[in-house]
Amino acid sequence: MGILGPSQQIMEAALQLRSARGELLAGNVANADTPGYRVVDIDFDRALQSAMAKNEDQAEFATKITTLENLRYDGNDVDGSQELAKAYENSLGYVATLKLYGDSVERIKSALSSS
């Protein structure tokens, strides 16, 4: 366990998952015109719960292939605007988690320097 306690582990796992999800979402957008490409994503909440239940430093996650709802004639199911919206939401979550992590570290530093 880190100096910040269990919250450090949660924040670190969340940052790892958000980073991995961001890469997948970027890949989805990049392959929007690739015939046969299927959208892949991470169920962030489930993956974070799994990482916490296993009490591991490294978050493990499985990618999932989405449903057939956006499947086009060429076998591609990427909806570019939907993927960009998910990427934006994911980046907001990453920045918010990073801010919380930084604030926690600053509180520890402040407490140590005032001792």
PDB file of N, CA and C in Angstrom:
ATOM      1  N   MET A   1       0.854  -1.184   0.000  1.00  0.00           N
ATOM      2  CA  MET A   1       0.000   0.000   0.000  1.00  0.00           C
ATOM      3  C   MET A   1       0.890   1.234   0.000  1.00  0.00           C
ATOM      4  N   GLY A   2       0.523   2.221  -0.761  1.00  0.00           N
ATOM      5  CA  GLY A   2       1.303   3.441  -0.886  1.00  0.00           C
ATOM      6  C   GLY A   2       1.077   4.391   0.269  1.00  0.00           C
ATOM      7  N   ILE A   3       1.782   5.490   0.230  1.00  0.00           N
ATOM      8  CA  ILE A   3       1.714   6.481   1.296  1.00  0.00           C
ATOM      9  C   ILE A   3       0.317   7.098   1.433  1.00  0.00           C
ATOM     10  N   LEU A   4      -0.445   7.092   0.353  1.00  0.00           N
ATOM     11  CA  LEU A   4      -1.793   7.663   0.389  1.00  0.00           C
ATOM     12  C   LEU A   4      -2.846   6.653   0.839  1.00  0.00           C
ATOM     13  N   GLY A   5      -2.420   5.443   1.138  1.00  0.00           N
ATOM     14  CA  GLY A   5      -3.365   4.424   1.584  1.00  0.00           C
ATOM     15  C   GLY A   5      -4.087   3.776   0.416  1.00  0.00           C
ATOM     16  N   PRO A   6      -5.249   3.186   0.697  1.00  0.00           N
ATOM     17  CA  PRO A   6      -5.980   2.469  -0.354  1.00  0.00           C
ATOM     18  C   PRO A   6      -6.425   3.373  -1.504  1.00  0.00           C
ATOM     19  N   SER A   7      -6.615   4.650  -1.231  1.00  0.00           N
ATOM     20  CA  SER A   7      -7.044   5.550  -2.310  1.00  0.00           C
ATOM     21  C   SER A   7      -5.969   5.669  -3.384  1.00  0.00           C
ATOM     22  N   GLN A   8      -4.705   5.524  -2.995  1.00  0.00           N
ATOM     23  CA  GLN A   8      -3.626   5.583  -3.981  1.00  0.00           C
ATOM     24  C   GLN A   8      -3.760   4.436  -4.971  1.00  0.00           C
ATOM     25  N   GLN A   9      -4.025   3.249  -4.470  1.00  0.00           N
ATOM     26  CA  GLN A   9      -4.172   2.085  -5.342  1.00  0.00           C
ATOM     27  C   GLN A   9      -5.349   2.267  -6.299  1.00  0.00           C
ATOM     28  N   ILE A  10      -6.438   2.794  -5.789  1.00  0.00           N
ATOM     29  CA  ILE A  10      -7.621   3.014  -6.626  1.00  0.00           C
ATOM     30  C   ILE A  10      -7.321   4.043  -7.710  1.00  0.00           C
ATOM     31  N   MET A  11      -6.690   5.154  -7.319  1.00  0.00           N
ATOM     32  CA  MET A  11      -6.392   6.198  -8.298  1.00  0.00           C
ATOM     33  C   MET A  11      -5.394   5.719  -9.346  1.00  0.00           C
ATOM     34  N   GLU A  12      -4.377   4.950  -8.926  1.00  0.00           N
ATOM     35  CA  GLU A  12      -3.402   4.442  -9.883  1.00  0.00           C
ATOM     36  C   GLU A  12      -4.047   3.461 -10.860  1.00  0.00           C
ATOM     37  N   ALA A  13      -4.911   2.585 -10.352  1.00  0.00           N
ATOM     38  CA  ALA A  13      -5.614   1.647 -11.232  1.00  0.00           C
ATOM     39  C   ALA A  13      -6.523   2.403 -12.194  1.00  0.00           C
ATOM     40  N   ALA A  14      -7.202   3.432 -11.694  1.00  0.00           N
ATOM     41  CA  ALA A  14      -8.092   4.226 -12.547  1.00  0.00           C
ATOM     42  C   ALA A  14      -7.300   4.917 -13.655  1.00  0.00           C
ATOM     43  N   LEU A  15      -6.130   5.449 -13.323  1.00  0.00           N
ATOM     44  CA  LEU A  15      -5.305   6.110 -14.334  1.00  0.00           C
ATOM     45  C   LEU A  15      -4.823   5.117 -15.391  1.00  0.00           C
ATOM     46  N   GLN A  16      -4.419   3.921 -14.950  1.00  0.00           N
ATOM     47  CA  GLN A  16      -3.984   2.895 -15.905  1.00  0.00           C
ATOM     48  C   GLN A  16      -5.123   2.509 -16.841  1.00  0.00           C
ATOM     49  N   LEU A  17      -6.293   2.304 -16.273  1.00  0.00           N
ATOM     50  CA  LEU A  17      -7.443   1.908 -17.082  1.00  0.00           C
ATOM     51  C   LEU A  17      -7.867   3.016 -18.038  1.00  0.00           C
ATOM     52  N   ARG A  18      -7.891   4.247 -17.557  1.00  0.00           N
ATOM     53  CA  ARG A  18      -8.262   5.375 -18.424  1.00  0.00           C
ATOM     54  C   ARG A  18      -7.263   5.518 -19.571  1.00  0.00           C
ATOM     55  N   SER A  19      -5.987   5.328 -19.272  1.00  0.00           N
ATOM     56  CA  SER A  19      -4.965   5.417 -20.310  1.00  0.00           C
ATOM     57  C   SER A  19      -5.158   4.321 -21.357  1.00  0.00           C
ATOM     58  N   ALA A  20      -5.355   3.097 -20.900  1.00  0.00           N
ATOM     59  CA  ALA A  20      -5.571   1.978 -21.824  1.00  0.00           C
ATOM     60  C   ALA A  20      -6.837   2.190 -22.644  1.00  0.00           C
ATOM     61  N   ARG A  21      -7.890   2.676 -22.003  1.00  0.00           N
ATOM     62  CA  ARG A  21      -9.144   2.917 -22.717  1.00  0.00           C
ATOM     63  C   ARG A  21      -8.956   4.016 -23.762  1.00  0.00           C
ATOM     64  N   GLY A  22      -8.198   5.046 -23.412  1.00  0.00           N
ATOM     65  CA  GLY A  22      -7.934   6.119 -24.364  1.00  0.00           C
ATOM     66  C   GLY A  22      -7.241   5.609 -25.621  1.00  0.00           C
ATOM     67  N   GLU A  23      -6.308   4.672 -25.456  1.00  0.00           N
ATOM     68  CA  GLU A  23      -5.626   4.088 -26.609  1.00  0.00           C
ATOM     69  C   GLU A  23      -6.599   3.301 -27.479  1.00  0.00           C
ATOM     70  N   LEU A  24      -7.481   2.537 -26.845  1.00  0.00           N
ATOM     71  CA  LEU A  24      -8.466   1.770 -27.610  1.00  0.00           C
ATOM     72  C   LEU A  24      -9.415   2.689 -28.375  1.00  0.00           C
ATOM     73  N   LEU A  25      -9.888   3.732 -27.704  1.00  0.00           N
ATOM     74  CA  LEU A  25     -10.817   4.659 -28.351  1.00  0.00           C
ATOM     75  C   LEU A  25     -10.144   5.389 -29.514  1.00  0.00           C
ATOM     76  N   ALA A  26      -8.880   5.754 -29.339  1.00  0.00           N
ATOM     77  CA  ALA A  26      -8.139   6.390 -30.434  1.00  0.00           C
ATOM     78  C   ALA A  26      -8.006   5.428 -31.612  1.00  0.00           C
ATOM     79  N   GLY A  27      -7.784   4.164 -31.305  1.00  0.00           N
ATOM     80  CA  GLY A  27      -7.712   3.156 -32.361  1.00  0.00           C
ATOM     81  C   GLY A  27      -9.032   3.004 -33.093  1.00  0.00           C
ATOM     82  N   ASN A  28     -10.123   3.082 -32.349  1.00  0.00           N
ATOM     83  CA  ASN A  28     -11.442   3.005 -32.978  1.00  0.00           C
ATOM     84  C   ASN A  28     -11.636   4.147 -33.970  1.00  0.00           C
ATOM     85  N   VAL A  29     -11.294   5.359 -33.536  1.00  0.00           N
ATOM     86  CA  VAL A  29     -11.449   6.530 -34.404  1.00  0.00           C
ATOM     87  C   VAL A  29     -10.535   6.401 -35.625  1.00  0.00           C
ATOM     88  N   ALA A  30      -9.302   5.965 -35.393  1.00  0.00           N
ATOM     89  CA  ALA A  30      -8.344   5.834 -36.494  1.00  0.00           C
ATOM     90  C   ALA A  30      -8.796   4.803 -37.529  1.00  0.00           C
ATOM     91  N   ASN A  31      -9.562   3.811 -37.093  1.00  0.00           N
ATOM     92  CA  ASN A  31     -10.013   2.750 -37.992  1.00  0.00           C
ATOM     93  C   ASN A  31     -11.449   2.931 -38.460  1.00  0.00           C
ATOM     94  N   ALA A  32     -11.954   4.137 -38.390  1.00  0.00           N
ATOM     95  CA  ALA A  32     -13.351   4.398 -38.759  1.00  0.00           C
ATOM     96  C   ALA A  32     -13.670   4.001 -40.192  1.00  0.00           C
ATOM     97  N   ASP A  33     -12.679   4.004 -41.060  1.00  0.00           N
ATOM     98  CA  ASP A  33     -12.911   3.656 -42.463  1.00  0.00           C
ATOM     99  C   ASP A  33     -12.281   2.323 -42.863  1.00  0.00           C
ATOM    100  N   THR A  34     -11.843   1.541 -41.891  1.00  0.00           N
ATOM    101  CA  THR A  34     -11.230   0.250 -42.180  1.00  0.00           C
ATOM    102  C   THR A  34     -12.310  -0.815 -42.314  1.00  0.00           C
ATOM    103  N   PRO A  35     -12.452  -1.411 -43.480  1.00  0.00           N
ATOM    104  CA  PRO A  35     -13.476  -2.447 -43.654  1.00  0.00           C
ATOM    105  C   PRO A  35     -13.275  -3.599 -42.664  1.00  0.00           C
ATOM    106  N   GLY A  36     -14.366  -4.018 -42.053  1.00  0.00           N
ATOM    107  CA  GLY A  36     -14.333  -5.144 -41.127  1.00  0.00           C
ATOM    108  C   GLY A  36     -13.880  -4.810 -39.714  1.00  0.00           C
ATOM    109  N   TYR A  37     -13.457  -3.571 -39.477  1.00  0.00           N
ATOM    110  CA  TYR A  37     -12.997  -3.209 -38.132  1.00  0.00           C
ATOM    111  C   TYR A  37     -14.179  -3.146 -37.185  1.00  0.00           C
ATOM    112  N   ARG A  38     -13.992  -3.719 -35.998  1.00  0.00           N
ATOM    113  CA  ARG A  38     -15.035  -3.710 -34.973  1.00  0.00           C
ATOM    114  C   ARG A  38     -14.570  -2.874 -33.787  1.00  0.00           C
ATOM    115  N   VAL A  39     -15.464  -2.101 -33.233  1.00  0.00           N
ATOM    116  CA  VAL A  39     -15.173  -1.256 -32.075  1.00  0.00           C
ATOM    117  C   VAL A  39     -14.762  -2.129 -30.892  1.00  0.00           C
ATOM    118  N   VAL A  40     -13.695  -1.710 -30.209  1.00  0.00           N
ATOM    119  CA  VAL A  40     -13.286  -2.357 -28.965  1.00  0.00           C
ATOM    120  C   VAL A  40     -13.271  -1.304 -27.871  1.00  0.00           C
ATOM    121  N   ASP A  41     -13.538  -1.728 -26.656  1.00  0.00           N
ATOM    122  CA  ASP A  41     -13.614  -0.795 -25.533  1.00  0.00           C
ATOM    123  C   ASP A  41     -13.375  -1.562 -24.244  1.00  0.00           C
ATOM    124  N   ILE A  42     -13.256  -0.831 -23.168  1.00  0.00           N
ATOM    125  CA  ILE A  42     -13.120  -1.396 -21.826  1.00  0.00           C
ATOM    126  C   ILE A  42     -14.330  -0.964 -21.023  1.00  0.00           C
ATOM    127  N   ASP A  43     -14.918  -1.890 -20.296  1.00  0.00           N
ATOM    128  CA  ASP A  43     -15.961  -1.534 -19.334  1.00  0.00           C
ATOM    129  C   ASP A  43     -15.215  -1.008 -18.110  1.00  0.00           C
ATOM    130  N   PHE A  44     -15.042   0.313 -18.051  1.00  0.00           N
ATOM    131  CA  PHE A  44     -14.190   0.933 -17.034  1.00  0.00           C
ATOM    132  C   PHE A  44     -14.613   0.567 -15.617  1.00  0.00           C
ATOM    133  N   ASP A  45     -15.895   0.701 -15.308  1.00  0.00           N
ATOM    134  CA  ASP A  45     -16.361   0.428 -13.946  1.00  0.00           C
ATOM    135  C   ASP A  45     -16.099  -1.018 -13.546  1.00  0.00           C
ATOM    136  N   ARG A  46     -16.405  -1.945 -14.424  1.00  0.00           N
ATOM    137  CA  ARG A  46     -16.192  -3.364 -14.121  1.00  0.00           C
ATOM    138  C   ARG A  46     -14.705  -3.674 -13.964  1.00  0.00           C
ATOM    139  N   ALA A  47     -13.872  -3.110 -14.836  1.00  0.00           N
ATOM    140  CA  ALA A  47     -12.436  -3.353 -14.767  1.00  0.00           C
ATOM    141  C   ALA A  47     -11.844  -2.783 -13.480  1.00  0.00           C
ATOM    142  N   LEU A  48     -12.301  -1.617 -13.057  1.00  0.00           N
ATOM    143  CA  LEU A  48     -11.803  -1.019 -11.818  1.00  0.00           C
ATOM    144  C   LEU A  48     -12.240  -1.845 -10.614  1.00  0.00           C
ATOM    145  N   GLN A  49     -13.482  -2.284 -10.607  1.00  0.00           N
ATOM    146  CA  GLN A  49     -13.957  -3.147  -9.518  1.00  0.00           C
ATOM    147  C   GLN A  49     -13.156  -4.439  -9.466  1.00  0.00           C
ATOM    148  N   SER A  50     -12.864  -4.997 -10.617  1.00  0.00           N
ATOM    149  CA  SER A  50     -12.079  -6.225 -10.686  1.00  0.00           C
ATOM    150  C   SER A  50     -10.673  -6.006 -10.139  1.00  0.00           C
ATOM    151  N   ALA A  51     -10.066  -4.893 -10.515  1.00  0.00           N
ATOM    152  CA  ALA A  51      -8.721  -4.581 -10.028  1.00  0.00           C
ATOM    153  C   ALA A  51      -8.715  -4.403  -8.515  1.00  0.00           C
ATOM    154  N   MET A  52      -9.737  -3.768  -7.977  1.00  0.00           N
ATOM    155  CA  MET A  52      -9.808  -3.553  -6.536  1.00  0.00           C
ATOM    156  C   MET A  52     -10.097  -4.862  -5.793  1.00  0.00           C
ATOM    157  N   ALA A  53     -10.927  -5.705  -6.363  1.00  0.00           N
ATOM    158  CA  ALA A  53     -11.255  -6.982  -5.726  1.00  0.00           C
ATOM    159  C   ALA A  53     -10.030  -7.886  -5.657  1.00  0.00           C
ATOM    160  N   LYS A  54      -9.186  -7.802  -6.675  1.00  0.00           N
ATOM    161  CA  LYS A  54      -7.982  -8.626  -6.707  1.00  0.00           C
ATOM    162  C   LYS A  54      -6.867  -8.025  -5.869  1.00  0.00           C
ATOM    163  N   ASN A  55      -7.046  -6.748  -5.473  1.00  0.00           N
ATOM    164  CA  ASN A  55      -6.061  -6.049  -4.653  1.00  0.00           C
ATOM    165  C   ASN A  55      -4.673  -6.114  -5.280  1.00  0.00           C
ATOM    166  N   GLU A  56      -4.602  -5.847  -6.561  1.00  0.00           N
ATOM    167  CA  GLU A  56      -3.341  -5.901  -7.285  1.00  0.00           C
ATOM    168  C   GLU A  56      -2.899  -4.499  -7.679  1.00  0.00           C
ATOM    169  N   ASP A  57      -1.588  -4.330  -7.805  1.00  0.00           N
ATOM    170  CA  ASP A  57      -1.062  -3.055  -8.269  1.00  0.00           C
ATOM    171  C   ASP A  57      -1.332  -2.861  -9.761  1.00  0.00           C
ATOM    172  N   GLN A  58      -1.250  -3.938 -10.535  1.00  0.00           N
ATOM    173  CA  GLN A  58      -1.499  -3.870 -11.972  1.00  0.00           C
ATOM    174  C   GLN A  58      -2.955  -4.177 -12.247  1.00  0.00           C
ATOM    175  N   ALA A  59      -3.633  -3.267 -12.869  1.00  0.00           N
ATOM    176  CA  ALA A  59      -5.032  -3.495 -13.225  1.00  0.00           C
ATOM    177  C   ALA A  59      -5.099  -4.411 -14.435  1.00  0.00           C
ATOM    178  N   GLU A  60      -5.909  -5.438 -14.332  1.00  0.00           N
ATOM    179  CA  GLU A  60      -6.137  -6.323 -15.467  1.00  0.00           C
ATOM    180  C   GLU A  60      -7.508  -6.012 -16.025  1.00  0.00           C
ATOM    181  N   PHE A  61      -7.630  -6.086 -17.312  1.00  0.00           N
ATOM    182  CA  PHE A  61      -8.918  -5.795 -17.919  1.00  0.00           C
ATOM    183  C   PHE A  61      -9.057  -6.574 -19.210  1.00  0.00           C
ATOM    184  N   ALA A  62     -10.271  -6.747 -19.604  1.00  0.00           N
ATOM    185  CA  ALA A  62     -10.564  -7.416 -20.872  1.00  0.00           C
ATOM    186  C   ALA A  62     -11.236  -6.414 -21.796  1.00  0.00           C
ATOM    187  N   THR A  63     -10.854  -6.464 -23.037  1.00  0.00           N
ATOM    188  CA  THR A  63     -11.533  -5.615 -24.004  1.00  0.00           C
ATOM    189  C   THR A  63     -12.815  -6.308 -24.428  1.00  0.00           C
ATOM    190  N   LYS A  64     -13.750  -5.522 -24.841  1.00  0.00           N
ATOM    191  CA  LYS A  64     -15.015  -6.084 -25.302  1.00  0.00           C
ATOM    192  C   LYS A  64     -15.313  -5.543 -26.689  1.00  0.00           C
ATOM    193  N   ILE A  65     -15.926  -6.373 -27.468  1.00  0.00           N
ATOM    194  CA  ILE A  65     -16.377  -5.945 -28.785  1.00  0.00           C
ATOM    195  C   ILE A  65     -17.840  -5.578 -28.639  1.00  0.00           C
ATOM    196  N   THR A  66     -18.198  -4.451 -29.178  1.00  0.00           N
ATOM    197  CA  THR A  66     -19.556  -3.943 -28.999  1.00  0.00           C
ATOM    198  C   THR A  66     -20.568  -4.704 -29.854  1.00  0.00           C
ATOM    199  N   THR A  67     -21.802  -4.298 -29.737  1.00  0.00           N
ATOM    200  CA  THR A  67     -22.906  -4.958 -30.439  1.00  0.00           C
ATOM    201  C   THR A  67     -22.899  -4.636 -31.928  1.00  0.00           C
ATOM    202  N   LEU A  68     -23.860  -5.166 -32.619  1.00  0.00           N
ATOM    203  CA  LEU A  68     -23.963  -4.979 -34.064  1.00  0.00           C
ATOM    204  C   LEU A  68     -24.788  -3.759 -34.459  1.00  0.00           C
ATOM    205  N   GLU A  69     -25.149  -2.916 -33.524  1.00  0.00           N
ATOM    206  CA  GLU A  69     -26.088  -1.834 -33.819  1.00  0.00           C
ATOM    207  C   GLU A  69     -25.604  -0.845 -34.876  1.00  0.00           C
ATOM    208  N   ASN A  70     -24.311  -0.604 -34.988  1.00  0.00           N
ATOM    209  CA  ASN A  70     -23.795   0.364 -35.968  1.00  0.00           C
ATOM    210  C   ASN A  70     -23.115  -0.310 -37.154  1.00  0.00           C
ATOM    211  N   LEU A  71     -23.321  -1.600 -37.322  1.00  0.00           N
ATOM    212  CA  LEU A  71     -22.630  -2.346 -38.370  1.00  0.00           C
ATOM    213  C   LEU A  71     -23.008  -1.821 -39.756  1.00  0.00           C
ATOM    214  N   ARG A  72     -21.973  -1.484 -40.533  1.00  0.00           N
ATOM    215  CA  ARG A  72     -22.183  -0.982 -41.894  1.00  0.00           C
ATOM    216  C   ARG A  72     -22.018  -2.118 -42.897  1.00  0.00           C
ATOM    217  N   TYR A  73     -22.292  -1.819 -44.143  1.00  0.00           N
ATOM    218  CA  TYR A  73     -22.195  -2.819 -45.215  1.00  0.00           C
ATOM    219  C   TYR A  73     -20.789  -3.405 -45.349  1.00  0.00           C
ATOM    220  N   ASP A  74     -19.743  -2.641 -44.970  1.00  0.00           N
ATOM    221  CA  ASP A  74     -18.365  -3.126 -45.095  1.00  0.00           C
ATOM    222  C   ASP A  74     -17.882  -3.863 -43.846  1.00  0.00           C
ATOM    223  N   GLY A  75     -18.795  -4.092 -42.891  1.00  0.00           N
ATOM    224  CA  GLY A  75     -18.443  -4.822 -41.677  1.00  0.00           C
ATOM    225  C   GLY A  75     -17.851  -3.962 -40.581  1.00  0.00           C
ATOM    226  N   ASN A  76     -17.728  -2.674 -40.802  1.00  0.00           N
ATOM    227  CA  ASN A  76     -17.193  -1.748 -39.810  1.00  0.00           C
ATOM    228  C   ASN A  76     -18.354  -1.207 -38.980  1.00  0.00           C
ATOM    229  N   ASP A  77     -18.146  -1.105 -37.670  1.00  0.00           N
ATOM    230  CA  ASP A  77     -19.230  -0.598 -36.815  1.00  0.00           C
ATOM    231  C   ASP A  77     -18.845   0.657 -36.036  1.00  0.00           C
ATOM    232  N   VAL A  78     -17.829   1.386 -36.505  1.00  0.00           N
ATOM    233  CA  VAL A  78     -17.370   2.593 -35.812  1.00  0.00           C
ATOM    234  C   VAL A  78     -18.302   3.763 -36.118  1.00  0.00           C
ATOM    235  N   ASP A  79     -18.824   4.368 -35.070  1.00  0.00           N
ATOM    236  CA  ASP A  79     -19.557   5.633 -35.176  1.00  0.00           C
ATOM    237  C   ASP A  79     -18.593   6.692 -34.645  1.00  0.00           C
ATOM    238  N   GLY A  80     -17.967   7.428 -35.560  1.00  0.00           N
ATOM    239  CA  GLY A  80     -16.912   8.366 -35.186  1.00  0.00           C
ATOM    240  C   GLY A  80     -17.305   9.353 -34.111  1.00  0.00           C
ATOM    241  N   SER A  81     -18.490   9.940 -34.218  1.00  0.00           N
ATOM    242  CA  SER A  81     -18.905  10.929 -33.220  1.00  0.00           C
ATOM    243  C   SER A  81     -19.129  10.276 -31.859  1.00  0.00           C
ATOM    244  N   GLN A  82     -19.635   9.062 -31.852  1.00  0.00           N
ATOM    245  CA  GLN A  82     -19.840   8.352 -30.584  1.00  0.00           C
ATOM    246  C   GLN A  82     -18.489   8.020 -29.939  1.00  0.00           C
ATOM    247  N   GLU A  83     -17.528   7.597 -30.743  1.00  0.00           N
ATOM    248  CA  GLU A  83     -16.206   7.267 -30.210  1.00  0.00           C
ATOM    249  C   GLU A  83     -15.493   8.514 -29.694  1.00  0.00           C
ATOM    250  N   LEU A  84     -15.639   9.630 -30.398  1.00  0.00           N
ATOM    251  CA  LEU A  84     -15.037  10.880 -29.929  1.00  0.00           C
ATOM    252  C   LEU A  84     -15.667  11.333 -28.618  1.00  0.00           C
ATOM    253  N   ALA A  85     -16.972  11.161 -28.480  1.00  0.00           N
ATOM    254  CA  ALA A  85     -17.648  11.523 -27.229  1.00  0.00           C
ATOM    255  C   ALA A  85     -17.147  10.650 -26.083  1.00  0.00           C
ATOM    256  N   LYS A  86     -16.972   9.348 -26.340  1.00  0.00           N
ATOM    257  CA  LYS A  86     -16.451   8.451 -25.301  1.00  0.00           C
ATOM    258  C   LYS A  86     -15.015   8.823 -24.945  1.00  0.00           C
ATOM    259  N   ALA A  87     -14.223   9.204 -25.953  1.00  0.00           N
ATOM    260  CA  ALA A  87     -12.837   9.601 -25.702  1.00  0.00           C
ATOM    261  C   ALA A  87     -12.783  10.876 -24.860  1.00  0.00           C
ATOM    262  N   TYR A  88     -13.673  11.817 -25.143  1.00  0.00           N
ATOM    263  CA  TYR A  88     -13.734  13.060 -24.377  1.00  0.00           C
ATOM    264  C   TYR A  88     -14.112  12.772 -22.924  1.00  0.00           C
ATOM    265  N   GLU A  89     -15.123  11.956 -22.723  1.00  0.00           N
ATOM    266  CA  GLU A  89     -15.547  11.584 -21.365  1.00  0.00           C
ATOM    267  C   GLU A  89     -14.414  10.881 -20.634  1.00  0.00           C
ATOM    268  N   ASN A  90     -13.712  10.007 -21.328  1.00  0.00           N
ATOM    269  CA  ASN A  90     -12.605   9.277 -20.724  1.00  0.00           C
ATOM    270  C   ASN A  90     -11.472  10.227 -20.328  1.00  0.00           C
ATOM    271  N   SER A  91     -11.169  11.192 -21.194  1.00  0.00           N
ATOM    272  CA  SER A  91     -10.094  12.135 -20.878  1.00  0.00           C
ATOM    273  C   SER A  91     -10.466  13.034 -19.702  1.00  0.00           C
ATOM    274  N   LEU A  92     -11.734  13.401 -19.600  1.00  0.00           N
ATOM    275  CA  LEU A  92     -12.178  14.173 -18.429  1.00  0.00           C
ATOM    276  C   LEU A  92     -11.985  13.364 -17.150  1.00  0.00           C
ATOM    277  N   GLY A  93     -12.322  12.086 -17.195  1.00  0.00           N
ATOM    278  CA  GLY A  93     -12.120  11.213 -16.042  1.00  0.00           C
ATOM    279  C   GLY A  93     -10.654  11.082 -15.678  1.00  0.00           C
ATOM    280  N   TYR A  94      -9.793  10.996 -16.692  1.00  0.00           N
ATOM    281  CA  TYR A  94      -8.356  10.890 -16.454  1.00  0.00           C
ATOM    282  C   TYR A  94      -7.836  12.148 -15.766  1.00  0.00           C
ATOM    283  N   VAL A  95      -8.199  13.302 -16.303  1.00  0.00           N
ATOM    284  CA  VAL A  95      -7.737  14.579 -15.739  1.00  0.00           C
ATOM    285  C   VAL A  95      -8.253  14.755 -14.310  1.00  0.00           C
ATOM    286  N   ALA A  96      -9.508  14.405 -14.066  1.00  0.00           N
ATOM    287  CA  ALA A  96     -10.077  14.534 -12.719  1.00  0.00           C
ATOM    288  C   ALA A  96      -9.349  13.625 -11.733  1.00  0.00           C
ATOM    289  N   THR A  97      -9.068  12.397 -12.143  1.00  0.00           N
ATOM    290  CA  THR A  97      -8.354  11.462 -11.267  1.00  0.00           C
ATOM    291  C   THR A  97      -6.940  11.953 -11.006  1.00  0.00           C
ATOM    292  N   LEU A  98      -6.282  12.456 -12.036  1.00  0.00           N
ATOM    293  CA  LEU A  98      -4.928  12.979 -11.883  1.00  0.00           C
ATOM    294  C   LEU A  98      -4.909  14.168 -10.925  1.00  0.00           C
ATOM    295  N   LYS A  99      -5.914  15.019 -11.010  1.00  0.00           N
ATOM    296  CA  LYS A  99      -6.021  16.171 -10.096  1.00  0.00           C
ATOM    297  C   LYS A  99      -6.202  15.698  -8.658  1.00  0.00           C
ATOM    298  N   LEU A 100      -7.077  14.723  -8.452  1.00  0.00           N
ATOM    299  CA  LEU A 100      -7.272  14.175  -7.102  1.00  0.00           C
ATOM    300  C   LEU A 100      -5.977  13.591  -6.556  1.00  0.00           C
ATOM    301  N   TYR A 101      -5.273  12.870  -7.400  1.00  0.00           N
ATOM    302  CA  TYR A 101      -4.010  12.253  -7.000  1.00  0.00           C
ATOM    303  C   TYR A 101      -2.997  13.331  -6.613  1.00  0.00           C
ATOM    304  N   GLY A 102      -2.874  14.348  -7.457  1.00  0.00           N
ATOM    305  CA  GLY A 102      -1.946  15.440  -7.174  1.00  0.00           C
ATOM    306  C   GLY A 102      -2.302  16.193  -5.908  1.00  0.00           C
ATOM    307  N   ASP A 103      -3.588  16.441  -5.702  1.00  0.00           N
ATOM    308  CA  ASP A 103      -4.033  17.120  -4.481  1.00  0.00           C
ATOM    309  C   ASP A 103      -3.710  16.294  -3.243  1.00  0.00           C
ATOM    310  N   SER A 104      -3.869  14.984  -3.341  1.00  0.00           N
ATOM    311  CA  SER A 104      -3.563  14.099  -2.212  1.00  0.00           C
ATOM    312  C   SER A 104      -2.076  14.141  -1.881  1.00  0.00           C
ATOM    313  N   VAL A 105      -1.251  14.128  -2.897  1.00  0.00           N
ATOM    314  CA  VAL A 105       0.198  14.202  -2.690  1.00  0.00           C
ATOM    315  C   VAL A 105       0.571  15.543  -2.068  1.00  0.00           C
ATOM    316  N   GLU A 106      -0.034  16.618  -2.539  1.00  0.00           N
ATOM    317  CA  GLU A 106       0.253  17.943  -1.984  1.00  0.00           C
ATOM    318  C   GLU A 106      -0.138  18.026  -0.508  1.00  0.00           C
ATOM    319  N   ARG A 107      -1.256  17.417  -0.130  1.00  0.00           N
ATOM    320  CA  ARG A 107      -1.663  17.414   1.284  1.00  0.00           C
ATOM    321  C   ARG A 107      -0.647  16.666   2.141  1.00  0.00           C
ATOM    322  N   ILE A 108      -0.137  15.553   1.642  1.00  0.00           N
ATOM    323  CA  ILE A 108       0.881  14.791   2.376  1.00  0.00           C
ATOM    324  C   ILE A 108       2.151  15.629   2.501  1.00  0.00           C
ATOM    325  N   LYS A 109       2.587  16.249   1.408  1.00  0.00           N
ATOM    326  CA  LYS A 109       3.789  17.082   1.447  1.00  0.00           C
ATOM    327  C   LYS A 109       3.619  18.238   2.425  1.00  0.00           C
ATOM    328  N   SER A 110       2.451  18.846   2.425  1.00  0.00           N
ATOM    329  CA  SER A 110       2.181  19.959   3.324  1.00  0.00           C
ATOM    330  C   SER A 110       2.212  19.507   4.778  1.00  0.00           C
ATOM    331  N   ALA A 111       1.621  18.356   5.045  1.00  0.00           N
ATOM    332  CA  ALA A 111       1.609  17.827   6.414  1.00  0.00           C
ATOM    333  C   ALA A 111       3.019  17.493   6.880  1.00  0.00           C
ATOM    334  N   LEU A 112       3.829  16.943   5.995  1.00  0.00           N
ATOM    335  CA  LEU A 112       5.200  16.588   6.362  1.00  0.00           C
ATOM    336  C   LEU A 112       6.064  17.824   6.577  1.00  0.00           C
ATOM    337  N   SER A 113       5.861  18.861   5.787  1.00  0.00           N
ATOM    338  CA  SER A 113       6.688  20.061   5.917  1.00  0.00           C
ATOM    339  C   SER A 113       6.291  20.909   7.123  1.00  0.00           C
ATOM    340  N   SER A 114       5.061  20.763   7.601  1.00  0.00           N
ATOM    341  CA  SER A 114       4.630  21.542   8.762  1.00  0.00           C
ATOM    342  C   SER A 114       4.956  20.841  10.073  1.00  0.00           C
ATOM    343  N   SER A 115       5.488  19.645   9.992  1.00  0.00           N
ATOM    344  CA  SER A 115       5.832  18.892  11.217  1.00  0.00           C
ATOM    345  C   SER A 115       7.143  19.333  11.787  1.00  0.00           C
TER     346      SER A 115
END
